[in-house]
Amino acid sequence: MKIYVVFYSLYGHVFKMAESIVEGAASVDGADVKLFQVAETLPDDVLEKMHAKDARKAFEHVPVIDAKQLGDADAIIFGTPTRFGNMAAQMRTLLDATGGLWKNGDLVGKVGSVFASTATQHGGQETTLTSFHTTLFHHGMIVVGVPYSCKELSEMGEISGGTPYGATTLASDDGARQPSDNELAIARFQGKHVAEITKKLVG
């Protein structure tokens, strides 16, 4: 079974979460997991002004996915930063290029899942995840979140991302905070959970 982890990351927070998603999915027998990033739409001079170019070197080796490739997967786990309570424009650009897949029903019955990051504790994680789900539903995908059998969702001893709609991380407004062990554990759980469900469906 083919599982694609497709992310957009500006400073690397979502990339680190994606690595844990991959780790979790790959732990399931029979899972062929591939990591992809979404094409950057910001020009180099803007990335330079945002001090993002150096951070992006950490994942420059990850191949950029074409929308047509999404139809090859049995499951797709998408990762995006939050922009004002919604997915990043770069991820939206990819999804807006899937009209052909939608017309042909290429994603119908396949598993879809989402993880995200925000700058602040109440920065729109859940709206980003659930609004992303809307697109997956339009494609006829089977949407999978993170059940409360993931014990890290109930962690109350620290500030942490993580929702039943998908794994999340908090980056802080200056990007200094990195994904915590608890957040990465939720991401690994999500990857494994998606792979296990996909295995049952694919057979």
Foldseek 3Di string as FASTA:
>chain_A
DEEEEEEEDQQCQQVLLSVLLQVLQVVDPPYDYAYAYFDDDDDPVVSVVVVRPVSCVVPPVHHHDALVCVLVGLEYEYEAEDDQQAGDVRVVVSLVVCPVCQVVLSQAAGEYAYEYEYQDLVRNRVSHLVVVVVSSVSSNHHYAFQDVVLVLQVDDPDRAADDRRYQYGHQHPSSPDHHDPSSSSRSSRRSNVSNVVSVVVVD
